[in-house]
Structure formats: structure tokens, C-alpha cells
């Protein structure tokens, strides 16, 4: 047996493996999602997401400080208001929960990059991502409100607007509104490829955003489609998106790879609530090694082509990597 080529030579020790490793993770790769609610001193654990909380503004600042100390430079804020209405008016309010949280984090955690989720589902009493008429989600009127919301978030100090609603033309409208309001320096991270996924369930508990009727398949993407993902990404690039996102991540690694190969824009992937909760549940049962599985899945997402990963594991993983 002639074994001139022995790949195992480069697997013998951790030092060798680290030297030739093709994909690595670092705290700079992560964006830490945080849910912000009303009140003071609130740190309310989400039952379907062990270790993830609804934070009042004072507590979200503390969590952002903890994230910064772990090496994380970016957070994304999701507002969880006490009151909701059919038109999601709290989304664009100057004193809205997200706007106040943005100001607090920017003031108290210097250097932290703050992204603002831009959607209506957390603010509407029906739980849909746009305005409703005769049981249908209206596109263009919803886009107008989302653009107003983006401007209010930029006025509060957001560095990046992250529209997640999947309305047609939402990136173009937000870019125009930001530019006309003097915020041409504010970036857009578009949820360009957002599938109508079953992995979002725990998030809907966290944000109180479960649709009160129907579902979101009329505006989020069909999980069976891949060519459509490239079309959506192309449209968002043409409309001014600075960063593209694929969501969810693990079940759509092929889509991450396809978008990466087609477009030069920075690419984000969201390891969503259902992915987090499945790992947590199996780990709590003792069926898997949580730390190992978390690192393996995050490495897979980055290996597929993601430049940045939104993950609820961000802070804990960053501490381990340090």
C-alpha cells in the first residue's frame, strides 16, 4: 500500500488543525439580537428560548455592555411595546420603545453598532408585517409607514436599518426616505431572502407577533424556491441595500452559498429562534453537547458564505472564543 498522501498528518493535534483551518469564528462575526420591552428592571425569560430575555431599556443597556465586554460590536434591537393598534403606529413614534432603546444604547455603550429591526409585526394588534384591508396585507401603504419608521430610527441614532417585512420595494422606499432626511450615511441591511419558515415560532412568543389570522406566506418566500432568492437579492441590491441577509440559516445553507457566489455585497445570515431553541432543548435533555453543536452550526453558516451571523448565542460564544 503506497500512501504518499496522508491527510491525517494535518489532523494529528489541535495546533496543526488550527494552523490549516479554513473557516474560523470571531466575536466580530456576530450580531446580538435583543428584545426591548417597557418598564424598569425587567429581565423576563422567554419560555421557549431559555437564556433569552425581554429586557427593559435599563437592562438592555446592561446586556449591551456585557456583549461589548465579550468582544461583540453589533446588536440588533427588536421592540416589544405594551400597546398595539391596527396600523402599528408605535413603530415610527419618536418616543417608541425601539427609538428610546437606540438612544440609550448609543449613549451608554460607546462604539456599539446599533441595528434597528424595521417591521410592523411587533406593533400591530393583528401581528402581520403590514397594514390590513379586507383580510389582505397592503403593500404600498405599508412601505410608506416602514419608510417613516426607518427615518425615526435613524433620528434616534441607529447605524443600520434592518427591514424584515418582505414588502415589494421596501428597500428603495427606505433608501429614498433616509437620503431625503439627511441620513445618507445610514446603511440598510435588507432581509432580502426571508422564507416563510416554521423556525420562527419562539421569536413570535418573544415579540408577541403571532398573526391573529392567516399566515405570512403571501409575502415571505416559499421554502421550496431557490432561484427566487437570487431575484429577491438582486432587486434589493439594485434598490440600494448595503448588506443582504438570508433567514433562516441552517436549513438554507445552499441559499447562503448561492447568494454569496452571485453578489459581492456583505452577506448576513440569521440563526433564528427555532434553531436556537432546538439546540437548547436537546442540550437540556442531555442529548447533545451544546457548546460543540453551537460552534459546529455557526461554523457551517460562515463556511457557506456568511460574513456575519445574527445569533442568540453571540455573547456566550464570544466569551468562549476569547
Protein backbone atom coordinates (compact mmCIF):
# COMPACT_ATOMS: atom_id res chain seq x y z
CA UNK A 1 0.00 0.00 0.00
CA UNK A 2 1.52 3.28 -1.17
CA UNK A 3 0.16 6.16 0.94
CA UNK A 4 2.22 9.14 -0.16
CA UNK A 5 -0.73 11.40 0.56
CA UNK A 6 -1.85 11.13 4.17
CA UNK A 7 -4.44 13.81 5.04
CA UNK A 8 -4.36 12.67 8.66
CA UNK A 9 -0.94 14.29 9.06
CA UNK A 10 -2.72 17.64 9.26
CA UNK A 11 -5.27 16.41 11.81
CA UNK A 12 -2.99 14.95 14.46
CA UNK A 13 -3.03 17.76 17.01
CA UNK A 14 -5.12 20.81 17.80
CA UNK A 15 -2.19 23.05 16.87
CA UNK A 16 -1.96 21.55 13.41
CA UNK A 17 -5.72 21.60 12.95
CA UNK A 18 -5.84 25.27 13.94
CA UNK A 19 -2.99 26.12 11.58
CA UNK A 20 -4.75 24.73 8.49
CA UNK A 21 -8.34 25.56 9.48
CA UNK A 22 -10.21 27.05 6.55
CA UNK A 23 -13.06 28.70 8.46
CA UNK A 24 -12.82 30.44 11.80
CA UNK A 25 -15.21 32.33 14.07
CA UNK A 26 -14.54 35.57 15.93
CA UNK A 27 -16.71 37.92 18.03
CA UNK A 28 -16.66 40.43 15.16
CA UNK A 29 -18.68 37.93 13.12
CA UNK A 30 -21.74 38.19 15.37
CA UNK A 31 -24.74 40.46 15.71
CA UNK A 32 -26.55 40.00 19.03
CA UNK A 33 -30.38 40.23 18.90
CA UNK A 34 -32.03 41.92 21.90
CA UNK A 35 -35.73 42.27 22.74
CA UNK A 36 -36.68 45.56 24.41
CA UNK A 37 -39.87 45.97 26.46
CA UNK A 38 -41.42 48.68 28.62
CA UNK A 39 -40.77 49.04 32.34
CA UNK A 40 -37.72 49.24 34.54
CA UNK A 41 -35.60 46.44 35.94
CA UNK A 42 -37.36 43.93 33.67
CA UNK A 43 -35.46 40.79 32.73
CA UNK A 44 -38.19 38.32 31.71
CA UNK A 45 -37.04 34.98 30.34
CA UNK A 46 -38.78 33.75 27.20
CA UNK A 47 -40.13 30.29 28.00
CA UNK A 48 -39.42 28.83 24.56
CA UNK A 49 -35.93 30.38 24.42
CA UNK A 50 -34.05 29.51 27.63
CA UNK A 51 -31.39 32.13 28.31
CA UNK A 52 -33.04 34.80 26.14
CA UNK A 53 -35.00 37.63 27.75
CA UNK A 54 -37.28 40.55 27.21
CA UNK A 55 -35.29 43.46 28.67
CA UNK A 56 -36.43 46.88 29.80
CA UNK A 57 -34.26 49.67 28.44
CA UNK A 58 -32.04 49.89 31.52
CA UNK A 59 -31.45 46.15 31.35
CA UNK A 60 -30.84 46.11 27.60
CA UNK A 61 -28.08 48.65 28.19
CA UNK A 62 -26.54 46.31 30.76
CA UNK A 63 -26.77 43.43 28.29
CA UNK A 64 -25.15 45.54 25.57
CA UNK A 65 -22.30 46.37 27.94
CA UNK A 66 -21.87 42.67 28.68
CA UNK A 67 -21.84 41.94 24.94
CA UNK A 68 -19.23 44.63 24.34
CA UNK A 69 -17.06 43.21 27.11
CA UNK A 70 -17.26 39.82 25.36
CA UNK A 71 -15.96 41.41 22.16
CA UNK A 72 -19.25 41.90 20.30
CA UNK A 73 -19.51 45.16 18.37
CA UNK A 74 -23.04 44.93 16.96
CA UNK A 75 -26.54 44.46 18.37
CA UNK A 76 -29.94 44.47 16.69
CA UNK A 77 -32.93 45.74 18.66
CA UNK A 78 -36.50 44.42 18.46
CA UNK A 79 -39.17 46.48 20.18
CA UNK A 80 -41.90 44.83 22.26
CA UNK A 81 -44.42 47.60 23.01
CA UNK A 82 -47.16 47.41 25.64
CA UNK A 83 -49.82 48.79 23.32
CA UNK A 84 -50.55 47.85 19.72
CA UNK A 85 -53.04 49.03 17.11
CA UNK A 86 -54.15 48.04 13.60
CA UNK A 87 -51.63 50.34 11.88
CA UNK A 88 -48.60 49.72 14.11
CA UNK A 89 -48.32 53.42 14.93
CA UNK A 90 -45.78 52.76 17.69
CA UNK A 91 -43.22 51.64 15.13
CA UNK A 92 -42.45 55.17 13.94
CA UNK A 93 -43.15 57.07 17.16
CA UNK A 94 -40.37 59.39 18.29
CA UNK A 95 -40.77 58.03 21.83
CA UNK A 96 -41.34 54.45 20.71
CA UNK A 97 -39.72 51.62 22.63
CA UNK A 98 -37.13 50.92 19.92
CA UNK A 99 -36.27 54.59 19.45
CA UNK A 100 -35.71 55.09 23.19
CA UNK A 101 -33.62 51.93 23.37
CA UNK A 102 -31.45 53.05 20.44
CA UNK A 103 -30.73 56.36 22.16
CA UNK A 104 -29.88 54.65 25.45
CA UNK A 105 -27.51 52.09 23.93
CA UNK A 106 -25.75 54.68 21.76
CA UNK A 107 -25.36 56.96 24.78
CA UNK A 108 -24.27 54.37 27.34
CA UNK A 109 -22.27 51.91 25.21
CA UNK A 110 -19.87 53.99 23.10
CA UNK A 111 -18.67 52.27 19.95
CA UNK A 112 -21.51 49.74 19.83
CA UNK A 113 -23.03 49.49 16.35
CA UNK A 114 -26.81 49.52 16.71
CA UNK A 115 -29.08 47.95 14.12
CA UNK A 116 -32.83 48.55 14.23
CA UNK A 117 -35.27 45.91 13.04
CA UNK A 118 -37.75 47.62 10.73
CA UNK A 119 -41.10 45.87 10.64
CA UNK A 120 -44.67 46.32 11.84
CA UNK A 121 -45.46 42.85 13.18
CA UNK A 122 -44.35 43.69 16.74
CA UNK A 123 -46.55 46.81 16.72
CA UNK A 124 -49.79 45.69 15.04
CA UNK A 125 -52.60 44.09 17.01
CA UNK A 126 -53.13 41.62 14.16
CA UNK A 127 -49.47 40.53 14.06
CA UNK A 128 -48.89 41.00 10.35
CA UNK A 129 -45.95 42.90 8.86
CA UNK A 130 -48.11 45.50 7.11
CA UNK A 131 -51.45 47.26 7.03
CA UNK A 132 -54.57 45.17 6.52
CA UNK A 133 -57.60 45.78 4.33
CA UNK A 134 -60.30 43.17 3.79
CA UNK A 135 -58.02 40.50 5.20
CA UNK A 136 -55.16 41.30 2.80
CA UNK A 137 -51.77 42.81 3.62
CA UNK A 138 -51.42 46.04 1.66
CA UNK A 139 -48.01 46.55 0.09
CA UNK A 140 -47.53 50.21 -0.85
CA UNK A 141 -49.23 51.83 2.17
CA UNK A 142 -47.19 49.51 4.39
CA UNK A 143 -43.98 50.55 2.66
CA UNK A 144 -44.77 54.23 3.34
CA UNK A 145 -45.09 53.53 7.07
CA UNK A 146 -41.92 51.43 7.08
CA UNK A 147 -40.01 54.30 5.45
CA UNK A 148 -41.26 56.69 8.14
CA UNK A 149 -40.18 54.16 10.76
CA UNK A 150 -36.70 53.96 9.25
CA UNK A 151 -36.29 57.74 9.45
CA UNK A 152 -37.41 57.79 13.09
CA UNK A 153 -34.92 55.02 13.90
CA UNK A 154 -32.13 56.91 12.14
CA UNK A 155 -33.07 60.07 14.03
CA UNK A 156 -32.72 58.09 17.26
CA UNK A 157 -29.17 57.15 16.26
CA UNK A 158 -29.43 53.76 14.55
CA UNK A 159 -26.35 52.95 12.46
CA UNK A 160 -28.10 50.33 10.32
CA UNK A 161 -31.77 49.92 9.40
CA UNK A 162 -32.75 46.26 9.02
CA UNK A 163 -36.10 45.97 7.19
CA UNK A 164 -37.53 42.49 7.68
CA UNK A 165 -41.04 42.81 6.24
CA UNK A 166 -40.58 41.44 2.70
CA UNK A 167 -42.85 44.07 1.14
CA UNK A 168 -42.12 44.76 -2.54
CA UNK A 169 -40.00 47.88 -2.99
CA UNK A 170 -39.27 48.32 0.72
CA UNK A 171 -35.52 48.88 0.27
CA UNK A 172 -35.97 51.56 -2.40
CA UNK A 173 -38.55 53.44 -0.31
CA UNK A 174 -36.41 53.32 2.84
CA UNK A 175 -33.27 54.39 0.98
CA UNK A 176 -35.08 57.34 -0.56
CA UNK A 177 -36.62 58.40 2.76
CA UNK A 178 -33.30 58.19 4.58
CA UNK A 179 -31.45 60.14 1.91
CA UNK A 180 -34.08 62.85 1.72
CA UNK A 181 -33.96 63.23 5.52
CA UNK A 182 -30.20 63.67 5.64
CA UNK A 183 -29.35 60.10 6.62
CA UNK A 184 -27.49 59.02 3.51
CA UNK A 185 -24.76 57.66 5.83
CA UNK A 186 -27.15 55.15 7.47
CA UNK A 187 -26.82 51.66 5.99
CA UNK A 188 -29.58 49.20 5.11
CA UNK A 189 -29.26 45.53 5.95
CA UNK A 190 -32.08 44.01 3.96
CA UNK A 191 -33.78 40.78 4.95
CA UNK A 192 -33.59 40.12 1.24
CA UNK A 193 -34.25 36.38 1.38
CA UNK A 194 -36.68 35.66 4.20
CA UNK A 195 -38.52 32.38 3.98
CA UNK A 196 -41.98 31.61 5.37
CA UNK A 197 -40.41 29.26 7.87
CA UNK A 198 -41.62 27.13 10.75
CA UNK A 199 -38.45 28.08 12.63
CA UNK A 200 -39.84 31.45 13.78
CA UNK A 201 -42.21 30.19 16.48
CA UNK A 202 -40.19 31.12 19.60
CA UNK A 203 -39.49 34.61 18.21
CA UNK A 204 -43.21 35.22 17.94
CA UNK A 205 -43.56 34.48 21.63
CA UNK A 206 -40.64 36.80 22.42
CA UNK A 207 -42.01 39.68 20.33
CA UNK A 208 -45.71 38.99 20.73
CA UNK A 209 -46.05 38.97 16.96
CA UNK A 210 -48.03 35.82 16.14
CA UNK A 211 -50.51 36.60 13.32
CA UNK A 212 -54.08 36.70 14.60
CA UNK A 213 -55.36 35.26 11.32
CA UNK A 214 -53.80 33.56 8.31
CA UNK A 215 -50.05 33.39 7.94
CA UNK A 216 -47.22 35.23 6.20
CA UNK A 217 -46.83 33.02 3.14
CA UNK A 218 -48.30 35.75 0.95
CA UNK A 219 -45.22 37.92 1.42
CA UNK A 220 -42.43 35.73 2.79
CA UNK A 221 -40.73 33.27 0.45
CA UNK A 222 -41.74 29.70 -0.30
CA UNK A 223 -39.13 27.34 1.26
CA UNK A 224 -39.18 25.27 -1.95
CA UNK A 225 -37.72 28.10 -4.07
CA UNK A 226 -34.07 28.94 -4.66
CA UNK A 227 -33.98 30.87 -7.96
CA UNK A 228 -36.48 33.31 -6.47
CA UNK A 229 -33.97 34.02 -3.69
CA UNK A 230 -31.46 35.33 -6.21
CA UNK A 231 -34.12 37.50 -7.79
CA UNK A 232 -35.04 38.98 -4.41
CA UNK A 233 -31.40 39.64 -3.58
CA UNK A 234 -30.79 41.27 -6.98
CA UNK A 235 -33.77 43.58 -6.56
CA UNK A 236 -32.60 44.70 -3.13
CA UNK A 237 -29.06 45.38 -4.36
CA UNK A 238 -30.47 47.44 -7.23
CA UNK A 239 -32.66 49.38 -4.78
CA UNK A 240 -29.75 50.29 -2.50
CA UNK A 241 -29.27 47.56 0.07
CA UNK A 242 -25.79 47.69 1.62
CA UNK A 243 -25.96 44.26 3.27
CA UNK A 244 -28.06 41.26 2.25
CA UNK A 245 -29.47 38.68 4.62
CA UNK A 246 -30.70 35.09 4.33
CA UNK A 247 -33.13 33.91 7.02
CA UNK A 248 -33.27 31.24 8.46
CA UNK A 249 -29.71 30.00 8.23
CA UNK A 250 -29.13 26.31 8.88
CA UNK A 251 -31.90 24.91 6.66
CA UNK A 252 -30.86 27.31 3.88
CA UNK A 253 -27.09 26.88 3.64
CA UNK A 254 -27.47 26.27 -0.08
CA UNK A 255 -29.17 29.65 -0.43
CA UNK A 256 -26.42 31.38 1.56
CA UNK A 257 -23.87 29.83 -0.78
CA UNK A 258 -25.82 30.77 -3.90
CA UNK A 259 -26.24 34.41 -2.80
CA UNK A 260 -22.57 34.58 -1.80
CA UNK A 261 -21.45 33.37 -5.22
CA UNK A 262 -23.72 35.75 -7.12
CA UNK A 263 -23.34 39.04 -5.21
CA UNK A 264 -20.40 40.99 -3.79
CA UNK A 265 -22.40 42.74 -1.06
CA UNK A 266 -21.69 41.74 2.55
CA UNK A 267 -23.91 38.81 3.48
CA UNK A 268 -25.63 38.17 6.80
CA UNK A 269 -27.40 35.02 7.95
CA UNK A 270 -29.83 34.79 10.86
CA UNK A 271 -29.65 31.74 13.11
CA UNK A 272 -33.26 32.16 14.11
CA UNK A 273 -35.18 31.41 17.29
CA UNK A 274 -36.24 27.90 16.30
CA UNK A 275 -32.65 26.91 15.57
CA UNK A 276 -31.60 28.28 18.94
CA UNK A 277 -34.44 26.59 20.82
CA UNK A 278 -33.88 23.17 19.24
CA UNK A 279 -30.24 23.20 20.31
CA UNK A 280 -31.15 24.42 23.80
CA UNK A 281 -33.90 21.82 24.24
CA UNK A 282 -31.72 18.91 23.14
CA UNK A 283 -28.87 20.13 25.34
CA UNK A 284 -31.15 20.45 28.38
CA UNK A 285 -32.19 16.82 27.78
CA UNK A 286 -28.53 15.81 27.73
CA UNK A 287 -28.80 14.52 24.19
CA UNK A 288 -26.13 16.76 22.66
CA UNK A 289 -23.07 18.74 23.70
CA UNK A 290 -24.43 22.30 23.43
CA UNK A 291 -21.09 24.07 23.12
CA UNK A 292 -19.88 21.74 20.40
CA UNK A 293 -23.11 21.88 18.41
CA UNK A 294 -23.32 25.68 18.63
CA UNK A 295 -19.80 26.10 17.29
CA UNK A 296 -20.39 23.50 14.59
CA UNK A 297 -23.58 25.13 13.33
CA UNK A 298 -22.14 28.64 13.38
CA UNK A 299 -19.05 27.42 11.54
CA UNK A 300 -21.29 25.80 8.92
CA UNK A 301 -23.15 29.07 8.39
CA UNK A 302 -19.93 31.01 7.95
CA UNK A 303 -18.42 28.28 5.76
CA UNK A 304 -21.44 28.53 3.48
CA UNK A 305 -20.54 32.17 2.84
CA UNK A 306 -22.00 34.40 5.55
CA UNK A 307 -19.85 37.37 6.54
CA UNK A 308 -21.87 38.00 9.69
CA UNK A 309 -24.28 35.92 11.76
CA UNK A 310 -27.20 37.10 13.84
CA UNK A 311 -27.42 34.62 16.70
CA UNK A 312 -28.80 34.45 20.22
CA UNK A 313 -25.65 32.52 21.15
CA UNK A 314 -23.46 35.53 20.26
CA UNK A 315 -22.44 36.65 23.73
CA UNK A 316 -21.75 33.21 25.16
CA UNK A 317 -19.86 32.03 22.07
CA UNK A 318 -17.77 35.20 22.02
CA UNK A 319 -16.75 34.64 25.63
CA UNK A 320 -15.62 31.11 24.78
CA UNK A 321 -13.73 32.25 21.70
CA UNK A 322 -11.89 34.84 23.78
